[in-house]
């Protein structure tokens, strides 16, 4: 099979396992297919500005357990600029690229899909997000590491909550989907879990906490996804300004919930916002293996000219699905997991 020149970029937020994906693409691309791999620095900015670095097996040594991305990453899109798509096409020509592998979340994959559809560019996608909210795949790499980090934090918070008879409100990531909150809440034995898919009633939350205290359990953990919202007319909604990309700035919902709990119950309540610690650090074993499988499948897709498709995980196999599945859509939490499993342990 003839060798090709392949570009790789990582877009959106960083995520445990990105370097493992790049490493797998390079290993199979170089040693099996004889490919030349080029990395674009800082996501689409690198494509527009032709800022690259060579990627080979030697340069990727030791990258499997390393968090973040050696290529750097940013948010943004070529479509933000009038001539952005044309500049991407020019980059393909000037650098002699035969294909581009885009490793990213909903935003990056949406851009990849539009570039393929509008300009017929040879692009393959790899779904990436700790939020686990990309349609078409059952799981994204980085998710299980984020859940483990959140679970470890909850485990530690149990003991300090018990020492002081406190309620701890733990805020985790999850803009539109409550996968991290639900899985970490179940694994960590949370008293209540609040997710974006189901607006909450603060009085119902307080009733659960009060019932628990009446049974002699004076410490509670409330896990809340950053995108969770109160039910209308139950409490004031948190004002969320937009960032420069038009996304709501999240974070801070725990700061609203905690004083509301303390005011209604009289229980000493504290806030712990895990924030970006969920993104950082080394990927766990599961995500290292999943990332490796994604990377190998991505370079295979290039050689099979599966343009406009992304590699996905389904029923323990790596398959392919159209990039358009991710176009402006979100894979929300499986409510059966919340209602049939998590909620049984509330209180």
Protein backbone atom coordinates (compact mmCIF):
# COMPACT_ATOMS: atom_id res chain seq x y z
CA UNK A 1 0.00 0.00 0.00
CA UNK A 2 1.43 3.40 -0.98
CA UNK A 3 2.57 5.83 1.69
CA UNK A 4 0.89 9.21 2.21
CA UNK A 5 1.51 12.53 3.95
CA UNK A 6 -0.90 13.02 6.82
CA UNK A 7 -1.59 16.04 9.02
CA UNK A 8 -2.82 15.71 12.60
CA UNK A 9 -4.37 18.34 14.85
CA UNK A 10 -5.89 18.35 18.33
CA UNK A 11 -8.71 20.84 18.87
CA UNK A 12 -10.88 22.12 21.71
CA UNK A 13 -10.11 21.48 25.36
CA UNK A 14 -7.21 19.25 26.37
CA UNK A 15 -8.02 15.70 27.41
CA UNK A 16 -6.15 12.73 28.91
CA UNK A 17 -5.19 10.41 26.08
CA UNK A 18 -4.49 12.89 23.28
CA UNK A 19 -0.79 12.06 23.16
CA UNK A 20 -1.63 8.36 23.16
CA UNK A 21 -3.81 8.85 20.05
CA UNK A 22 -1.05 10.78 18.26
CA UNK A 23 1.51 8.13 19.24
CA UNK A 24 -0.65 5.34 17.78
CA UNK A 25 -1.27 7.24 14.52
CA UNK A 26 2.45 7.81 14.11
CA UNK A 27 3.52 4.29 15.10
CA UNK A 28 1.29 2.52 12.58
CA UNK A 29 1.54 5.24 9.97
CA UNK A 30 5.34 5.16 9.96
CA UNK A 31 6.14 1.50 10.63
CA UNK A 32 3.29 -0.20 8.73
CA UNK A 33 2.39 2.21 5.93
CA UNK A 34 5.62 4.22 5.57
CA UNK A 35 3.70 7.49 6.00
CA UNK A 36 5.04 10.93 6.81
CA UNK A 37 3.09 12.50 9.68
CA UNK A 38 2.94 16.25 10.28
CA UNK A 39 1.49 17.78 13.44
CA UNK A 40 -0.29 21.15 13.34
CA UNK A 41 0.38 23.37 16.34
CA UNK A 42 -2.49 24.95 18.27
CA UNK A 43 -5.36 23.31 16.43
CA UNK A 44 -6.87 25.16 13.45
CA UNK A 45 -4.58 28.15 14.07
CA UNK A 46 -1.68 25.94 13.03
CA UNK A 47 -3.48 24.93 9.83
CA UNK A 48 -4.30 28.54 8.91
CA UNK A 49 -0.79 29.78 9.72
CA UNK A 50 1.06 26.65 8.52
CA UNK A 51 2.76 26.10 11.86
CA UNK A 52 3.81 22.47 12.04
CA UNK A 53 6.15 20.00 13.66
CA UNK A 54 7.33 16.63 12.30
CA UNK A 55 6.00 13.59 14.09
CA UNK A 56 7.87 10.29 14.11
CA UNK A 57 8.24 7.26 16.33
CA UNK A 58 11.38 8.63 17.93
CA UNK A 59 9.77 11.96 18.91
CA UNK A 60 6.76 10.19 20.47
CA UNK A 61 8.75 8.04 22.89
CA UNK A 62 7.46 8.35 26.43
CA UNK A 63 4.22 10.10 25.37
CA UNK A 64 1.78 7.27 26.16
CA UNK A 65 1.23 8.24 29.85
CA UNK A 66 1.60 11.98 29.36
CA UNK A 67 -1.47 14.19 29.71
CA UNK A 68 -2.31 17.20 27.57
CA UNK A 69 -1.22 17.36 23.95
CA UNK A 70 2.27 17.95 22.62
CA UNK A 71 0.71 19.77 19.64
CA UNK A 72 -1.07 22.33 21.77
CA UNK A 73 -4.76 23.09 21.38
CA UNK A 74 -7.12 26.03 21.07
CA UNK A 75 -10.77 26.66 20.44
CA UNK A 76 -11.84 28.43 17.29
CA UNK A 77 -12.68 27.67 13.68
CA UNK A 78 -11.52 28.58 10.16
CA UNK A 79 -15.12 29.61 9.56
CA UNK A 80 -14.57 32.51 11.99
CA UNK A 81 -12.58 34.19 9.19
CA UNK A 82 -13.95 35.19 5.76
CA UNK A 83 -11.05 33.47 3.99
CA UNK A 84 -10.50 30.74 6.60
CA UNK A 85 -11.76 27.72 4.61
CA UNK A 86 -9.82 28.82 1.53
CA UNK A 87 -6.66 29.10 3.64
CA UNK A 88 -7.18 25.56 4.92
CA UNK A 89 -7.45 24.33 1.34
CA UNK A 90 -4.29 26.24 0.42
CA UNK A 91 -2.45 24.61 3.32
CA UNK A 92 -3.35 21.18 1.98
CA UNK A 93 -1.87 22.10 -1.38
CA UNK A 94 1.25 23.90 -0.20
CA UNK A 95 2.19 21.22 2.34
CA UNK A 96 1.31 18.36 0.02
CA UNK A 97 -1.14 16.76 2.44
CA UNK A 98 -3.02 13.66 1.38
CA UNK A 99 -5.22 13.65 4.48
CA UNK A 100 -5.94 15.36 7.80
CA UNK A 101 -6.86 13.62 11.04
CA UNK A 102 -8.85 15.89 13.38
CA UNK A 103 -8.88 14.82 17.03
CA UNK A 104 -11.51 16.90 18.77
CA UNK A 105 -14.89 17.34 20.38
CA UNK A 106 -18.23 18.45 18.97
CA UNK A 107 -16.85 21.81 17.80
CA UNK A 108 -13.74 20.50 16.07
CA UNK A 109 -15.60 17.61 14.46
CA UNK A 110 -18.30 19.98 13.23
CA UNK A 111 -15.62 22.11 11.57
CA UNK A 112 -14.06 18.98 10.07
CA UNK A 113 -17.43 17.89 8.70
CA UNK A 114 -18.14 21.29 7.13
CA UNK A 115 -14.69 21.44 5.50
CA UNK A 116 -15.15 17.97 4.06
CA UNK A 117 -18.67 18.65 2.82
CA UNK A 118 -17.99 22.10 1.36
CA UNK A 119 -14.46 21.67 0.01
CA UNK A 120 -14.29 17.89 -0.38
CA UNK A 121 -11.15 17.78 1.78
CA UNK A 122 -9.86 14.31 2.80
CA UNK A 123 -10.55 14.43 6.55
CA UNK A 124 -10.97 11.73 9.20
CA UNK A 125 -12.17 12.44 12.74
CA UNK A 126 -11.35 11.05 16.18
CA UNK A 127 -13.93 11.93 18.91
CA UNK A 128 -12.44 13.49 22.03
CA UNK A 129 -14.01 14.90 25.18
CA UNK A 130 -14.05 14.13 28.86
CA UNK A 131 -17.78 14.98 28.83
CA UNK A 132 -18.57 11.79 26.85
CA UNK A 133 -21.20 13.71 24.87
CA UNK A 134 -20.41 12.97 21.19
CA UNK A 135 -23.12 11.20 19.22
CA UNK A 136 -22.15 8.07 17.33
CA UNK A 137 -19.77 6.60 19.89
CA UNK A 138 -20.50 4.88 23.18
CA UNK A 139 -17.50 6.35 24.95
CA UNK A 140 -14.81 8.94 24.34
CA UNK A 141 -11.28 8.71 25.65
CA UNK A 142 -10.59 10.92 28.65
CA UNK A 143 -14.01 10.30 30.17
CA UNK A 144 -12.99 7.42 32.42
CA UNK A 145 -9.92 9.30 33.64
CA UNK A 146 -12.05 12.33 34.50
CA UNK A 147 -14.51 10.11 36.36
CA UNK A 148 -11.68 8.49 38.31
CA UNK A 149 -10.24 11.88 39.29
CA UNK A 150 -13.66 13.07 40.47
CA UNK A 151 -14.30 9.81 42.33
CA UNK A 152 -10.95 10.02 44.12
CA UNK A 153 -11.82 13.56 45.22
CA UNK A 154 -15.25 12.49 46.48
CA UNK A 155 -13.68 9.62 48.43
CA UNK A 156 -11.44 12.10 50.22
CA UNK A 157 -14.25 14.55 50.84
CA UNK A 158 -16.32 11.93 52.64
CA UNK A 159 -13.88 11.84 55.53
CA UNK A 160 -13.60 15.61 55.98
CA UNK A 161 -17.39 15.97 55.68
CA UNK A 162 -17.86 13.33 58.36
CA UNK A 163 -15.28 14.97 60.63
CA UNK A 164 -17.15 18.29 60.57
CA UNK A 165 -20.76 17.15 60.00
CA UNK A 166 -20.82 19.07 56.73
CA UNK A 167 -22.51 18.98 53.38
CA UNK A 168 -19.96 19.13 50.55
CA UNK A 169 -21.17 20.40 47.17
CA UNK A 170 -18.78 19.03 44.54
CA UNK A 171 -18.91 20.68 41.11
CA UNK A 172 -17.63 18.62 38.18
CA UNK A 173 -17.45 19.26 34.45
CA UNK A 174 -20.38 18.60 32.16
CA UNK A 175 -21.65 21.49 30.04
CA UNK A 176 -24.71 19.85 28.49
CA UNK A 177 -24.42 16.26 29.71
CA UNK A 178 -24.20 14.73 33.17
CA UNK A 179 -22.08 11.67 32.40
CA UNK A 180 -19.18 12.62 34.69
CA UNK A 181 -21.45 13.72 37.54
CA UNK A 182 -23.54 10.56 37.36
CA UNK A 183 -20.69 8.06 37.08
CA UNK A 184 -18.53 9.78 39.71
CA UNK A 185 -21.55 10.26 41.97
CA UNK A 186 -22.45 6.57 41.80
CA UNK A 187 -18.84 5.46 42.28
CA UNK A 188 -18.28 7.92 45.12
CA UNK A 189 -21.50 7.27 47.01
CA UNK A 190 -23.02 10.73 46.55
CA UNK A 191 -26.14 11.68 48.48
CA UNK A 192 -27.59 13.62 45.52
CA UNK A 193 -26.50 14.07 41.89
CA UNK A 194 -27.60 17.06 39.80
CA UNK A 195 -27.27 16.99 35.99
CA UNK A 196 -28.05 19.33 33.06
CA UNK A 197 -30.64 16.96 31.61
CA UNK A 198 -32.95 17.23 34.64
CA UNK A 199 -33.56 20.68 36.19
CA UNK A 200 -33.47 20.34 39.97
CA UNK A 201 -35.69 21.62 42.76
CA UNK A 202 -33.50 22.90 45.59
CA UNK A 203 -36.23 22.14 48.14
CA UNK A 204 -36.28 18.50 47.05
CA UNK A 205 -32.49 18.39 47.42
CA UNK A 206 -32.78 19.80 50.93
CA UNK A 207 -35.51 17.32 51.84
CA UNK A 208 -33.20 14.45 50.89
CA UNK A 209 -30.38 15.92 52.99
CA UNK A 210 -32.66 16.48 55.99
CA UNK A 211 -33.99 12.94 55.77
CA UNK A 212 -30.44 11.63 55.76
CA UNK A 213 -29.56 13.69 58.83
CA UNK A 214 -32.63 12.45 60.68
CA UNK A 215 -31.27 8.94 60.18
CA UNK A 216 -28.08 9.96 61.94
CA UNK A 217 -25.93 10.58 58.86
CA UNK A 218 -24.60 14.08 59.39
CA UNK A 219 -22.33 14.28 56.35
CA UNK A 220 -23.47 14.42 52.74
CA UNK A 221 -21.96 14.80 49.30
CA UNK A 222 -23.89 16.63 46.58
CA UNK A 223 -22.35 16.17 43.12
CA UNK A 224 -23.40 18.76 40.55
CA UNK A 225 -22.47 19.08 36.87
CA UNK A 226 -21.39 22.58 35.90
CA UNK A 227 -24.27 22.88 33.44
CA UNK A 228 -27.02 21.91 35.88
CA UNK A 229 -29.90 24.38 36.24
CA UNK A 230 -32.65 24.82 38.85
CA UNK A 231 -36.25 24.21 37.91
CA UNK A 232 -38.07 27.41 37.07
CA UNK A 233 -39.38 29.34 40.07
CA UNK A 234 -37.56 27.12 42.59
CA UNK A 235 -34.56 29.44 42.94
CA UNK A 236 -32.75 32.14 40.99
CA UNK A 237 -30.98 30.88 37.90
CA UNK A 238 -27.29 31.55 37.57
CA UNK A 239 -26.42 34.24 35.05
CA UNK A 240 -24.05 32.73 32.49
CA UNK A 241 -22.36 35.20 30.11
CA UNK A 242 -21.13 34.09 26.69
CA UNK A 243 -17.47 33.65 25.83
CA UNK A 244 -15.97 34.90 22.56
CA UNK A 245 -17.00 31.69 20.82
CA UNK A 246 -20.65 32.08 21.80
CA UNK A 247 -20.59 29.37 24.49
CA UNK A 248 -22.03 29.96 27.91
CA UNK A 249 -19.32 30.39 30.52
CA UNK A 250 -19.96 27.63 33.02
CA UNK A 251 -18.83 27.02 36.56
CA UNK A 252 -20.15 28.51 39.74
CA UNK A 253 -23.45 26.64 40.11
CA UNK A 254 -22.12 25.03 43.32
CA UNK A 255 -21.57 28.54 44.73
CA UNK A 256 -25.30 29.15 44.29
CA UNK A 257 -26.47 25.79 45.60
CA UNK A 258 -24.35 25.69 48.76
CA UNK A 259 -25.72 28.84 50.45
CA UNK A 260 -29.25 27.84 49.43
CA UNK A 261 -28.79 24.49 51.20
CA UNK A 262 -27.31 26.12 54.29
CA UNK A 263 -30.10 28.70 54.45
CA UNK A 264 -32.87 26.11 54.16
CA UNK A 265 -31.40 23.39 56.37
CA UNK A 266 -28.96 25.09 58.72
CA UNK A 267 -26.34 22.50 57.77
CA UNK A 268 -22.76 23.69 57.45
CA UNK A 269 -22.10 23.54 53.69
CA UNK A 270 -18.90 23.87 51.68
CA UNK A 271 -18.05 24.01 47.96
CA UNK A 272 -15.38 22.06 46.10
CA UNK A 273 -15.05 22.89 42.37
CA UNK A 274 -12.76 20.36 40.71
CA UNK A 275 -12.49 22.38 37.50
CA UNK A 276 -9.62 21.70 35.12
CA UNK A 277 -7.93 19.18 37.39
CA UNK A 278 -10.31 16.70 35.71
CA UNK A 279 -8.61 17.38 32.36
CA UNK A 280 -5.03 17.26 33.53
CA UNK A 281 -2.55 14.57 34.33
CA UNK A 282 -1.91 11.09 33.06
CA UNK A 283 -4.69 9.04 31.43
CA UNK A 284 -5.71 5.89 33.25
CA UNK A 285 -5.17 2.41 31.78
CA UNK A 286 -8.61 2.25 30.15
CA UNK A 287 -8.12 5.55 28.32
CA UNK A 288 -4.58 4.66 27.23
CA UNK A 289 -5.89 1.52 25.56
CA UNK A 290 -8.94 3.25 24.05
CA UNK A 291 -6.83 6.14 22.75
CA UNK A 292 -4.38 3.70 21.17
CA UNK A 293 -7.20 1.83 19.44
CA UNK A 294 -8.67 5.09 18.15
CA UNK A 295 -5.31 6.23 16.76
CA UNK A 296 -4.63 2.94 14.97
CA UNK A 297 -8.14 2.94 13.49
CA UNK A 298 -7.76 6.56 12.34
CA UNK A 299 -4.66 5.90 10.23
CA UNK A 300 -6.37 2.80 8.81
CA UNK A 301 -9.32 4.98 7.83
CA UNK A 302 -6.95 7.32 6.00
CA UNK A 303 -5.57 4.48 3.92
CA UNK A 304 -9.07 3.22 3.17
CA UNK A 305 -10.05 6.77 2.17
CA UNK A 306 -12.94 6.92 4.62
CA UNK A 307 -13.24 10.67 4.19
CA UNK A 308 -15.91 12.47 6.18
CA UNK A 309 -16.03 9.70 8.77
CA UNK A 310 -14.86 9.35 12.37
CA UNK A 311 -13.73 6.32 14.29
CA UNK A 312 -16.13 5.31 17.07
CA UNK A 313 -16.47 2.76 19.86
CA UNK A 314 -19.49 0.45 19.70
CA UNK A 315 -20.03 -2.82 21.55
CA UNK A 316 -16.32 -3.16 22.34
CA UNK A 317 -15.30 -2.68 18.69
CA UNK A 318 -13.81 0.30 16.89
CA UNK A 319 -16.03 1.14 13.92
CA UNK A 320 -16.76 4.21 11.78
CA UNK A 321 -19.60 6.68 11.60
CA UNK A 322 -20.29 9.82 9.55
CA UNK A 323 -18.85 13.04 10.95
CA UNK A 324 -22.23 14.65 10.39
CA UNK A 325 -23.57 12.73 13.40
CA UNK A 326 -21.63 15.18 15.60
CA UNK A 327 -22.79 18.24 13.68
CA UNK A 328 -24.24 20.63 16.28
CA UNK A 329 -25.59 17.80 18.44
CA UNK A 330 -24.94 16.48 21.94
CA UNK A 331 -25.14 12.96 23.34
CA UNK A 332 -26.95 13.48 26.61
CA UNK A 333 -26.93 11.21 29.63
CA UNK A 334 -28.73 7.89 29.49
CA UNK A 335 -31.49 8.72 31.97
CA UNK A 336 -31.95 5.04 32.82
CA UNK A 337 -28.49 5.19 34.41
CA UNK A 338 -29.65 8.17 36.49
CA UNK A 339 -33.16 7.07 37.38
CA UNK A 340 -32.69 3.30 37.72
CA UNK A 341 -29.24 3.29 39.30
CA UNK A 342 -28.05 6.60 40.75
CA UNK A 343 -31.31 7.81 42.29
CA UNK A 344 -31.80 4.57 44.24
CA UNK A 345 -28.93 5.68 46.49
CA UNK A 346 -30.05 9.28 47.03
CA UNK A 347 -30.43 10.14 50.70
